[in-house]
């Protein structure tokens, strides 16, 4: 495969073809434990896709539980990193899959998690670089989930530190990078302005305004205003009582002119919330 393959796959990651992204990570069952039962999982995936998410993020084995017809034009990112809350070092991420395997599964992209400042930073950087090389050979986009986390990190939201984190992702071959929101939020512009690849912001902690999604919507508006290309938010969506409505609301902020698929928009009028 060539760079043309990567270009096609990158385009599929933005349903509005506007260079903006709403990714919904659903990989938390490895790190934290089950998110939902089998029936609830299917409803969740359908709600996320119908709501207008650009992509879901799952581990390779969970791909077996994803029904292609439920996704519509929602892309799939296979996450290649893992750790659990039971580990001696929760910031130590290891590779549990590879790019070729993800391609065979039908992935549109892969993602790798890197914690800058962790005790195993050196190995995580090596893994990111190796996966980037494989992505180049296979024509697959690479998303770096890059954070400042570890015993040597005093402030994981420091703008200068986050600028360093996203530049590492870009320099080692990522096509997109997800990281934390800077504090104060208006200084996120310093992070995005320093990075040559699109920056997505994490969802952040839930707030009192999350009952109807207003808090998350405002978080996204702030991120976009600071130059971010979108958001990757999982927990605040899959823990919502109405993920379909929440995803739809956030998608309308990320893609104000709408998404490509008229069929998806029509389906939301006839399909109930998960």
C-alpha atoms as a PDB file:
ATOM      1  CA  UNK A   1       0.000   0.000   0.000  1.00  0.00           C
ATOM      2  CA  UNK A   2       1.055   3.625  -0.596  1.00  0.00           C
ATOM      3  CA  UNK A   3       0.371   7.081   0.775  1.00  0.00           C
ATOM      4  CA  UNK A   4      -2.782   7.068  -1.383  1.00  0.00           C
ATOM      5  CA  UNK A   5      -4.235   4.403   0.897  1.00  0.00           C
ATOM      6  CA  UNK A   6      -3.526   6.536   3.941  1.00  0.00           C
ATOM      7  CA  UNK A   7      -5.113   9.557   2.273  1.00  0.00           C
ATOM      8  CA  UNK A   8      -8.316   7.616   1.566  1.00  0.00           C
ATOM      9  CA  UNK A   9      -8.475   6.307   5.118  1.00  0.00           C
ATOM     10  CA  UNK A  10      -7.799   9.735   6.620  1.00  0.00           C
ATOM     11  CA  UNK A  11     -10.722  11.119   4.644  1.00  0.00           C
ATOM     12  CA  UNK A  12     -13.006   8.402   6.056  1.00  0.00           C
ATOM     13  CA  UNK A  13     -12.106   9.550   9.569  1.00  0.00           C
ATOM     14  CA  UNK A  14     -13.990  12.828   9.004  1.00  0.00           C
ATOM     15  CA  UNK A  15     -17.531  12.138   7.830  1.00  0.00           C
ATOM     16  CA  UNK A  16     -18.116  15.775   6.873  1.00  0.00           C
ATOM     17  CA  UNK A  17     -14.789  15.845   4.978  1.00  0.00           C
ATOM     18  CA  UNK A  18     -14.031  19.075   6.842  1.00  0.00           C
ATOM     19  CA  UNK A  19     -10.904  18.005   8.706  1.00  0.00           C
ATOM     20  CA  UNK A  20     -12.774  17.905  12.013  1.00  0.00           C
ATOM     21  CA  UNK A  21     -13.193  14.790  14.141  1.00  0.00           C
ATOM     22  CA  UNK A  22     -15.437  13.290  16.810  1.00  0.00           C
ATOM     23  CA  UNK A  23     -13.933  10.017  18.009  1.00  0.00           C
ATOM     24  CA  UNK A  24     -15.583   7.881  20.690  1.00  0.00           C
ATOM     25  CA  UNK A  25     -13.101   5.550  22.443  1.00  0.00           C
ATOM     26  CA  UNK A  26     -14.824   2.363  23.624  1.00  0.00           C
ATOM     27  CA  UNK A  27     -11.634   0.603  24.690  1.00  0.00           C
ATOM     28  CA  UNK A  28     -12.076   1.130  28.430  1.00  0.00           C
ATOM     29  CA  UNK A  29     -13.100  -2.477  29.106  1.00  0.00           C
ATOM     30  CA  UNK A  30      -9.431  -3.527  29.032  1.00  0.00           C
ATOM     31  CA  UNK A  31      -8.235  -0.864  31.432  1.00  0.00           C
ATOM     32  CA  UNK A  32     -11.240  -0.584  33.750  1.00  0.00           C
ATOM     33  CA  UNK A  33     -13.527  -3.579  33.204  1.00  0.00           C
ATOM     34  CA  UNK A  34     -16.807  -4.164  31.304  1.00  0.00           C
ATOM     35  CA  UNK A  35     -18.693  -1.080  30.170  1.00  0.00           C
ATOM     36  CA  UNK A  36     -21.901  -2.863  29.159  1.00  0.00           C
ATOM     37  CA  UNK A  37     -23.454  -6.262  28.588  1.00  0.00           C
ATOM     38  CA  UNK A  38     -23.667  -7.714  25.101  1.00  0.00           C
ATOM     39  CA  UNK A  39     -27.094  -6.279  24.264  1.00  0.00           C
ATOM     40  CA  UNK A  40     -26.196  -2.889  25.736  1.00  0.00           C
ATOM     41  CA  UNK A  41     -22.926  -2.884  23.791  1.00  0.00           C
ATOM     42  CA  UNK A  42     -24.733  -3.298  20.475  1.00  0.00           C
ATOM     43  CA  UNK A  43     -27.146  -0.484  21.338  1.00  0.00           C
ATOM     44  CA  UNK A  44     -24.250   1.747  22.381  1.00  0.00           C
ATOM     45  CA  UNK A  45     -22.342   1.228  19.138  1.00  0.00           C
ATOM     46  CA  UNK A  46     -25.506   1.867  17.113  1.00  0.00           C
ATOM     47  CA  UNK A  47     -26.246   5.039  19.086  1.00  0.00           C
ATOM     48  CA  UNK A  48     -22.720   6.381  18.621  1.00  0.00           C
ATOM     49  CA  UNK A  49     -22.835   5.741  14.874  1.00  0.00           C
ATOM     50  CA  UNK A  50     -26.344   7.089  14.382  1.00  0.00           C
ATOM     51  CA  UNK A  51     -25.521  10.146  16.451  1.00  0.00           C
ATOM     52  CA  UNK A  52     -22.834  11.136  13.964  1.00  0.00           C
ATOM     53  CA  UNK A  53     -19.502  10.104  15.484  1.00  0.00           C
ATOM     54  CA  UNK A  54     -16.684   9.990  12.963  1.00  0.00           C
ATOM     55  CA  UNK A  55     -15.093   6.888  14.486  1.00  0.00           C
ATOM     56  CA  UNK A  56     -15.160   4.506  17.409  1.00  0.00           C
ATOM     57  CA  UNK A  57     -11.977   3.216  19.035  1.00  0.00           C
ATOM     58  CA  UNK A  58     -11.918  -0.438  20.102  1.00  0.00           C
ATOM     59  CA  UNK A  59      -9.461  -3.225  20.815  1.00  0.00           C
ATOM     60  CA  UNK A  60      -8.947  -5.981  18.243  1.00  0.00           C
ATOM     61  CA  UNK A  61     -11.041  -8.650  19.961  1.00  0.00           C
ATOM     62  CA  UNK A  62     -13.970  -6.302  20.408  1.00  0.00           C
ATOM     63  CA  UNK A  63     -14.088  -5.903  16.632  1.00  0.00           C
ATOM     64  CA  UNK A  64     -15.841  -9.282  16.603  1.00  0.00           C
ATOM     65  CA  UNK A  65     -18.752  -7.643  18.426  1.00  0.00           C
ATOM     66  CA  UNK A  66     -19.077  -4.763  15.963  1.00  0.00           C
ATOM     67  CA  UNK A  67     -21.749  -5.340  13.315  1.00  0.00           C
ATOM     68  CA  UNK A  68     -20.647  -3.512  10.141  1.00  0.00           C
ATOM     69  CA  UNK A  69     -24.220  -2.617   9.175  1.00  0.00           C
ATOM     70  CA  UNK A  70     -24.626  -0.719  12.447  1.00  0.00           C
ATOM     71  CA  UNK A  71     -21.715   1.582  11.702  1.00  0.00           C
ATOM     72  CA  UNK A  72     -22.887   3.224   8.491  1.00  0.00           C
ATOM     73  CA  UNK A  73     -20.121   5.694   7.635  1.00  0.00           C
ATOM     74  CA  UNK A  74     -18.671   5.657  11.149  1.00  0.00           C
ATOM     75  CA  UNK A  75     -15.041   4.543  10.915  1.00  0.00           C
ATOM     76  CA  UNK A  76     -13.223   2.109  13.219  1.00  0.00           C
ATOM     77  CA  UNK A  77      -9.886   2.709  14.940  1.00  0.00           C
ATOM     78  CA  UNK A  78      -8.163  -0.333  16.455  1.00  0.00           C
ATOM     79  CA  UNK A  79      -6.265   0.571  19.616  1.00  0.00           C
ATOM     80  CA  UNK A  80      -2.919  -1.213  19.903  1.00  0.00           C
ATOM     81  CA  UNK A  81      -1.957  -0.281  23.491  1.00  0.00           C
ATOM     82  CA  UNK A  82      -3.146  -1.649  26.823  1.00  0.00           C
ATOM     83  CA  UNK A  83      -2.769  -1.583  30.586  1.00  0.00           C
ATOM     84  CA  UNK A  84      -5.143  -2.164  33.496  1.00  0.00           C
ATOM     85  CA  UNK A  85      -6.011  -0.427  36.740  1.00  0.00           C
ATOM     86  CA  UNK A  86      -4.603  -3.462  38.563  1.00  0.00           C
ATOM     87  CA  UNK A  87      -1.029  -2.978  37.330  1.00  0.00           C
ATOM     88  CA  UNK A  88       1.814  -1.904  39.577  1.00  0.00           C
ATOM     89  CA  UNK A  89       2.320   0.985  37.140  1.00  0.00           C
ATOM     90  CA  UNK A  90      -0.942   2.060  35.495  1.00  0.00           C
ATOM     91  CA  UNK A  91       0.967   4.454  33.219  1.00  0.00           C
ATOM     92  CA  UNK A  92       2.953   1.617  31.613  1.00  0.00           C
ATOM     93  CA  UNK A  93       1.373   0.883  28.227  1.00  0.00           C
ATOM     94  CA  UNK A  94       2.314  -2.169  26.155  1.00  0.00           C
ATOM     95  CA  UNK A  95       1.520  -3.115  22.562  1.00  0.00           C
ATOM     96  CA  UNK A  96      -1.116  -5.855  22.267  1.00  0.00           C
ATOM     97  CA  UNK A  97      -1.624  -5.804  18.498  1.00  0.00           C
ATOM     98  CA  UNK A  98      -0.023  -4.694  15.252  1.00  0.00           C
ATOM     99  CA  UNK A  99      -0.938  -2.778  12.120  1.00  0.00           C
ATOM    100  CA  UNK A 100      -1.177  -5.785   9.803  1.00  0.00           C
ATOM    101  CA  UNK A 101      -3.628  -7.447  12.171  1.00  0.00           C
ATOM    102  CA  UNK A 102      -5.707  -4.256  12.328  1.00  0.00           C
ATOM    103  CA  UNK A 103      -5.804  -4.062   8.530  1.00  0.00           C
ATOM    104  CA  UNK A 104      -7.068  -7.654   8.320  1.00  0.00           C
ATOM    105  CA  UNK A 105      -9.810  -6.740  10.780  1.00  0.00           C
ATOM    106  CA  UNK A 106     -10.949  -3.859   8.581  1.00  0.00           C
ATOM    107  CA  UNK A 107      -9.612  -0.930  10.618  1.00  0.00           C
ATOM    108  CA  UNK A 108      -9.598   2.538   9.084  1.00  0.00           C
ATOM    109  CA  UNK A 109      -6.820   3.620  11.465  1.00  0.00           C
ATOM    110  CA  UNK A 110      -4.882   2.515  14.540  1.00  0.00           C
ATOM    111  CA  UNK A 111      -4.026   4.282  17.773  1.00  0.00           C
ATOM    112  CA  UNK A 112      -1.173   4.007  20.267  1.00  0.00           C
ATOM    113  CA  UNK A 113      -1.095   5.392  23.811  1.00  0.00           C
ATOM    114  CA  UNK A 114       2.056   7.132  25.099  1.00  0.00           C
ATOM    115  CA  UNK A 115       2.548   8.588  28.591  1.00  0.00           C
ATOM    116  CA  UNK A 116       5.352  11.129  28.558  1.00  0.00           C
ATOM    117  CA  UNK A 117       7.002  11.292  31.967  1.00  0.00           C
ATOM    118  CA  UNK A 118       6.173   7.717  32.929  1.00  0.00           C
ATOM    119  CA  UNK A 119       8.780   5.220  34.083  1.00  0.00           C
ATOM    120  CA  UNK A 120       8.384   3.281  30.817  1.00  0.00           C
ATOM    121  CA  UNK A 121       8.372   6.308  28.527  1.00  0.00           C
ATOM    122  CA  UNK A 122      11.384   4.976  26.602  1.00  0.00           C
ATOM    123  CA  UNK A 123       9.588   1.773  25.595  1.00  0.00           C
ATOM    124  CA  UNK A 124       6.376   3.579  24.728  1.00  0.00           C
ATOM    125  CA  UNK A 125       8.292   5.965  22.473  1.00  0.00           C
ATOM    126  CA  UNK A 126       9.982   3.013  20.773  1.00  0.00           C
ATOM    127  CA  UNK A 127       6.582   1.380  20.256  1.00  0.00           C
ATOM    128  CA  UNK A 128       5.114   4.564  18.777  1.00  0.00           C
ATOM    129  CA  UNK A 129       7.993   4.860  16.335  1.00  0.00           C
ATOM    130  CA  UNK A 130       7.752   1.210  15.298  1.00  0.00           C
ATOM    131  CA  UNK A 131       3.994   1.387  14.760  1.00  0.00           C
ATOM    132  CA  UNK A 132       4.444   4.586  12.732  1.00  0.00           C
ATOM    133  CA  UNK A 133       6.802   2.709  10.421  1.00  0.00           C
ATOM    134  CA  UNK A 134       4.276  -0.094   9.957  1.00  0.00           C
ATOM    135  CA  UNK A 135       1.521   2.438   9.320  1.00  0.00           C
ATOM    136  CA  UNK A 136       3.610   3.997   6.581  1.00  0.00           C
ATOM    137  CA  UNK A 137       4.142   0.609   4.929  1.00  0.00           C
ATOM    138  CA  UNK A 138       0.446  -0.328   5.123  1.00  0.00           C
ATOM    139  CA  UNK A 139      -0.998   3.107   4.348  1.00  0.00           C
ATOM    140  CA  UNK A 140      -2.850   3.307   7.673  1.00  0.00           C
ATOM    141  CA  UNK A 141      -3.382   6.535   9.663  1.00  0.00           C
ATOM    142  CA  UNK A 142      -1.880   6.609  13.154  1.00  0.00           C
ATOM    143  CA  UNK A 143      -3.490   8.409  16.085  1.00  0.00           C
ATOM    144  CA  UNK A 144      -1.248   9.003  19.090  1.00  0.00           C
ATOM    145  CA  UNK A 145      -3.071   9.154  22.428  1.00  0.00           C
ATOM    146  CA  UNK A 146      -0.320  11.205  24.075  1.00  0.00           C
ATOM    147  CA  UNK A 147      -0.410  12.517  27.621  1.00  0.00           C
ATOM    148  CA  UNK A 148       1.890  13.963  30.267  1.00  0.00           C
ATOM    149  CA  UNK A 149       1.554  11.377  33.044  1.00  0.00           C
ATOM    150  CA  UNK A 150       4.012   9.953  35.492  1.00  0.00           C
ATOM    151  CA  UNK A 151       6.132  10.606  38.579  1.00  0.00           C
ATOM    152  CA  UNK A 152       8.088  13.423  36.927  1.00  0.00           C
ATOM    153  CA  UNK A 153       5.014  15.349  35.766  1.00  0.00           C
ATOM    154  CA  UNK A 154       4.064  18.193  38.099  1.00  0.00           C
ATOM    155  CA  UNK A 155       1.204  19.574  35.975  1.00  0.00           C
ATOM    156  CA  UNK A 156      -0.327  17.398  33.270  1.00  0.00           C
ATOM    157  CA  UNK A 157      -2.212  20.408  31.850  1.00  0.00           C
ATOM    158  CA  UNK A 158       0.762  22.747  31.531  1.00  0.00           C
ATOM    159  CA  UNK A 159       0.619  24.299  28.022  1.00  0.00           C
ATOM    160  CA  UNK A 160       4.382  24.164  27.447  1.00  0.00           C
ATOM    161  CA  UNK A 161       4.506  20.513  28.474  1.00  0.00           C
ATOM    162  CA  UNK A 162       1.511  19.637  26.291  1.00  0.00           C
ATOM    163  CA  UNK A 163       3.164  21.412  23.346  1.00  0.00           C
ATOM    164  CA  UNK A 164       6.160  19.146  23.876  1.00  0.00           C
ATOM    165  CA  UNK A 165       3.904  16.067  24.097  1.00  0.00           C
ATOM    166  CA  UNK A 166       2.097  16.732  20.812  1.00  0.00           C
ATOM    167  CA  UNK A 167       5.343  17.609  19.039  1.00  0.00           C
ATOM    168  CA  UNK A 168       6.747  14.217  20.063  1.00  0.00           C
ATOM    169  CA  UNK A 169       3.735  12.521  18.485  1.00  0.00           C
ATOM    170  CA  UNK A 170       4.191  14.476  15.274  1.00  0.00           C
ATOM    171  CA  UNK A 171       7.953  13.937  15.124  1.00  0.00           C
ATOM    172  CA  UNK A 172       7.624  10.172  15.591  1.00  0.00           C
ATOM    173  CA  UNK A 173       5.121   9.769  12.769  1.00  0.00           C
ATOM    174  CA  UNK A 174       1.558  10.189  14.076  1.00  0.00           C
ATOM    175  CA  UNK A 175      -1.041  11.652  11.725  1.00  0.00           C
ATOM    176  CA  UNK A 176      -3.297  12.930  14.507  1.00  0.00           C
ATOM    177  CA  UNK A 177      -2.707  13.370  18.230  1.00  0.00           C
ATOM    178  CA  UNK A 178      -5.106  13.363  21.168  1.00  0.00           C
ATOM    179  CA  UNK A 179      -4.045  15.012  24.410  1.00  0.00           C
ATOM    180  CA  UNK A 180      -5.393  16.775  27.493  1.00  0.00           C
ATOM    181  CA  UNK A 181      -6.869  20.263  27.515  1.00  0.00           C
ATOM    182  CA  UNK A 182      -4.447  22.917  28.700  1.00  0.00           C
ATOM    183  CA  UNK A 183      -5.154  24.888  31.852  1.00  0.00           C
ATOM    184  CA  UNK A 184      -6.233  27.577  31.555  1.00  0.00           C
ATOM    185  CA  UNK A 185      -8.171  26.415  28.498  1.00  0.00           C
ATOM    186  CA  UNK A 186      -7.497  29.549  26.461  1.00  0.00           C
ATOM    187  CA  UNK A 187      -3.811  28.611  26.412  1.00  0.00           C
ATOM    188  CA  UNK A 188      -4.614  25.501  24.374  1.00  0.00           C
ATOM    189  CA  UNK A 189      -3.977  27.711  21.346  1.00  0.00           C
ATOM    190  CA  UNK A 190      -0.270  27.580  22.254  1.00  0.00           C
ATOM    191  CA  UNK A 191      -0.390  23.795  21.977  1.00  0.00           C
ATOM    192  CA  UNK A 192      -2.219  23.626  18.661  1.00  0.00           C
ATOM    193  CA  UNK A 193      -0.191  26.438  17.097  1.00  0.00           C
ATOM    194  CA  UNK A 194       3.016  24.538  17.808  1.00  0.00           C
ATOM    195  CA  UNK A 195       1.899  21.247  16.268  1.00  0.00           C
ATOM    196  CA  UNK A 196       2.080  20.363  12.544  1.00  0.00           C
ATOM    197  CA  UNK A 197      -0.631  17.674  12.791  1.00  0.00           C
ATOM    198  CA  UNK A 198      -4.277  17.937  13.915  1.00  0.00           C
ATOM    199  CA  UNK A 199      -4.735  17.997  17.689  1.00  0.00           C
ATOM    200  CA  UNK A 200      -7.775  16.428  19.319  1.00  0.00           C
ATOM    201  CA  UNK A 201      -8.614  17.138  22.931  1.00  0.00           C
ATOM    202  CA  UNK A 202      -9.704  14.555  25.484  1.00  0.00           C
ATOM    203  CA  UNK A 203     -13.216  14.707  26.904  1.00  0.00           C
ATOM    204  CA  UNK A 204     -12.174  15.817  30.351  1.00  0.00           C
ATOM    205  CA  UNK A 205     -14.033  15.231  33.618  1.00  0.00           C
ATOM    206  CA  UNK A 206     -17.817  15.317  33.849  1.00  0.00           C
ATOM    207  CA  UNK A 207     -19.432  18.488  35.175  1.00  0.00           C
ATOM    208  CA  UNK A 208     -22.765  19.424  36.718  1.00  0.00           C
ATOM    209  CA  UNK A 209     -23.870  20.715  33.312  1.00  0.00           C
ATOM    210  CA  UNK A 210     -23.492  17.289  31.724  1.00  0.00           C
ATOM    211  CA  UNK A 211     -27.087  16.271  32.400  1.00  0.00           C
ATOM    212  CA  UNK A 212     -28.142  17.561  28.975  1.00  0.00           C
ATOM    213  CA  UNK A 213     -24.690  17.633  27.389  1.00  0.00           C
ATOM    214  CA  UNK A 214     -24.232  21.389  27.747  1.00  0.00           C
ATOM    215  CA  UNK A 215     -20.975  21.047  29.644  1.00  0.00           C
ATOM    216  CA  UNK A 216     -19.409  18.753  27.076  1.00  0.00           C
ATOM    217  CA  UNK A 217     -20.659  20.883  24.193  1.00  0.00           C
ATOM    218  CA  UNK A 218     -19.043  23.962  25.732  1.00  0.00           C
ATOM    219  CA  UNK A 219     -15.818  21.998  26.262  1.00  0.00           C
ATOM    220  CA  UNK A 220     -15.791  21.157  22.540  1.00  0.00           C
ATOM    221  CA  UNK A 221     -16.495  24.739  21.499  1.00  0.00           C
ATOM    222  CA  UNK A 222     -13.608  25.932  23.648  1.00  0.00           C
ATOM    223  CA  UNK A 223     -11.298  23.329  22.116  1.00  0.00           C
ATOM    224  CA  UNK A 224     -12.286  24.194  18.554  1.00  0.00           C
ATOM    225  CA  UNK A 225     -11.856  27.876  19.308  1.00  0.00           C
ATOM    226  CA  UNK A 226      -8.324  27.133  20.499  1.00  0.00           C
ATOM    227  CA  UNK A 227      -7.438  25.470  17.198  1.00  0.00           C
ATOM    228  CA  UNK A 228      -8.182  21.841  18.030  1.00  0.00           C
ATOM    229  CA  UNK A 229      -9.401  19.663  15.170  1.00  0.00           C
ATOM    230  CA  UNK A 230     -11.952  17.878  17.332  1.00  0.00           C
ATOM    231  CA  UNK A 231     -12.453  15.714  20.370  1.00  0.00           C
ATOM    232  CA  UNK A 232     -11.992  12.112  21.439  1.00  0.00           C
ATOM    233  CA  UNK A 233     -14.442  11.423  24.262  1.00  0.00           C
ATOM    234  CA  UNK A 234     -15.554   8.059  25.567  1.00  0.00           C
ATOM    235  CA  UNK A 235     -16.518   7.880  29.233  1.00  0.00           C
ATOM    236  CA  UNK A 236     -18.793  10.928  29.206  1.00  0.00           C
ATOM    237  CA  UNK A 237     -20.679   9.380  26.292  1.00  0.00           C
ATOM    238  CA  UNK A 238     -20.959   5.716  27.228  1.00  0.00           C
ATOM    239  CA  UNK A 239     -21.930   6.614  30.797  1.00  0.00           C
ATOM    240  CA  UNK A 240     -24.686   8.930  29.555  1.00  0.00           C
ATOM    241  CA  UNK A 241     -28.330   7.929  29.970  1.00  0.00           C
ATOM    242  CA  UNK A 242     -28.903   8.971  26.347  1.00  0.00           C
ATOM    243  CA  UNK A 243     -25.704   8.515  24.321  1.00  0.00           C
ATOM    244  CA  UNK A 244     -27.507   8.953  20.993  1.00  0.00           C
ATOM    245  CA  UNK A 245     -28.712  12.443  21.856  1.00  0.00           C
ATOM    246  CA  UNK A 246     -25.380  13.396  23.399  1.00  0.00           C
ATOM    247  CA  UNK A 247     -23.348  12.251  20.386  1.00  0.00           C
ATOM    248  CA  UNK A 248     -25.775  14.018  18.063  1.00  0.00           C
ATOM    249  CA  UNK A 249     -25.355  17.242  20.038  1.00  0.00           C
ATOM    250  CA  UNK A 250     -21.555  17.050  20.049  1.00  0.00           C
ATOM    251  CA  UNK A 251     -21.448  16.092  16.357  1.00  0.00           C
ATOM    252  CA  UNK A 252     -23.428  19.241  15.530  1.00  0.00           C
ATOM    253  CA  UNK A 253     -20.747  21.308  17.290  1.00  0.00           C
ATOM    254  CA  UNK A 254     -17.816  19.529  15.630  1.00  0.00           C
ATOM    255  CA  UNK A 255     -19.508  19.491  12.202  1.00  0.00           C
ATOM    256  CA  UNK A 256     -21.845  22.510  12.125  1.00  0.00           C
ATOM    257  CA  UNK A 257     -22.579  22.028   8.414  1.00  0.00           C
ATOM    258  CA  UNK A 258     -23.622  18.401   8.945  1.00  0.00           C
ATOM    259  CA  UNK A 259     -22.177  14.995   8.050  1.00  0.00           C
ATOM    260  CA  UNK A 260     -22.066  13.295   4.671  1.00  0.00           C
ATOM    261  CA  UNK A 261     -24.569  10.527   5.249  1.00  0.00           C
ATOM    262  CA  UNK A 262     -28.190  11.576   4.750  1.00  0.00           C
ATOM    263  CA  UNK A 263     -29.181   8.013   5.617  1.00  0.00           C
ATOM    264  CA  UNK A 264     -27.712   8.370   9.088  1.00  0.00           C
ATOM    265  CA  UNK A 265     -29.514  11.673   9.630  1.00  0.00           C
ATOM    266  CA  UNK A 266     -32.785  10.078   8.522  1.00  0.00           C
ATOM    267  CA  UNK A 267     -32.227   7.056  10.745  1.00  0.00           C
ATOM    268  CA  UNK A 268     -31.974   9.197  13.878  1.00  0.00           C
ATOM    269  CA  UNK A 269     -35.596  10.179  13.450  1.00  0.00           C
ATOM    270  CA  UNK A 270     -36.770   6.589  13.592  1.00  0.00           C
ATOM    271  CA  UNK A 271     -34.297   4.964  15.984  1.00  0.00           C
ATOM    272  CA  UNK A 272     -34.576   5.310  19.754  1.00  0.00           C
ATOM    273  CA  UNK A 273     -31.728   6.134  22.071  1.00  0.00           C
ATOM    274  CA  UNK A 274     -29.539   3.382  23.398  1.00  0.00           C
END
